[in-house]
């Protein structure tokens, strides 16, 4: 039978080897507005340096320099070009008609109704933006809580379970190291074949076979397996009642987090808001060339106005529609790597932790002196 340090070292080695695989290093994101190469992106964890750049007064220069490769501009380029071409068609028609008939402009609309409608369109955009921000905030809270709950479970198991159950402890550690990757795959595309190589490196062969046979969500299967392992420790007398209740509470939190993530990934904001808002934007921007034609501006001024207005409104709509699915823009890859690294860190910290809780001789001698007693009475 292998010793506890040897098994813990084996777990750490397998997790580190899994993190070195191509799957674990692929940090691509499904979202179109976030990319990992940028410094100021939601696709990675922010540091003090990132926050300093975010607040820097030179950010305006960086934003203007990088405008040509803006992900928002890339996401709205097709509808934006359609609106510009539509405005150009209106301008050409009016000028050709004026050239032959002497009546300019022919196609025009009053500006007052469009001005009144702008407030309603703004309310629709604000509502959708607020809703998507609430969903993003809830997703961030749930995923951030996941790492803390994972650490608590592993720490409680290590502290309260006797070393002769090291095989159970190491199996719990392996499942916790894998949990973030399973949840990431479920929330993105539910394609478990992409992380099959990583699963085979972390788990024993019989556990891999069992997990792959679970046709339901594998994250729920892992929680079920962890609950079975903790129940086995409790029923066999290797885990006291209070620690067992604490671990069960943490496993229930894991289940709540998975339920929240599944709800956010499967239940959108009512699509009627998006459909009505998009149609309103099409009507409003489509009618804008007719309204500004009668103001006496040049064709270039009119085209610039349409382009700027379309960029602002379509950009806000694109950000709202992408943030509606928060897991497409959150750094789930970084969270999964962080959870695996936490398992390694906790196991290594447990092995290096000083044994026992008794005071050393120097501390005990110092505590017995008159000065030490005076300090205790003063405190």
Foldseek 3Di string as FASTA:
>chain_A
DDFLVVLLVLLLVLLVVLCPDPLLVPQAFPFQQAGDVDLPAQQDDDDPVSVCCVPDPCVVVVCVVCVVVHSLCVVCVVVLVVLLVLLVVQVVVQVVCCVVPVDPGDQADACVVLVVVVVVLVVLLVVLQVLLVVLLVVLVVLLVVLLVLLLLLLVLCLVQFDRVVSVLSSQSLLLQLCLLVLLLCVLGPVPCVSCLVSNPSRHPPVVSVVLVPDPPRSSVVSLVVNLVSLVVCVVVPRGDDVSSVVNVVSSVSSVVSSVSLVCLSPPFDPCVSVVVSVVSVCVSLSNQSNNCRPVPDDSVVSSVVSSVVCSVSSSSSSVSVSSSSVSSRHNSSNSSSVSNVSSSVSSVCSVPPDPDDDDDPVVVVVCPDPVNVVVVVVD
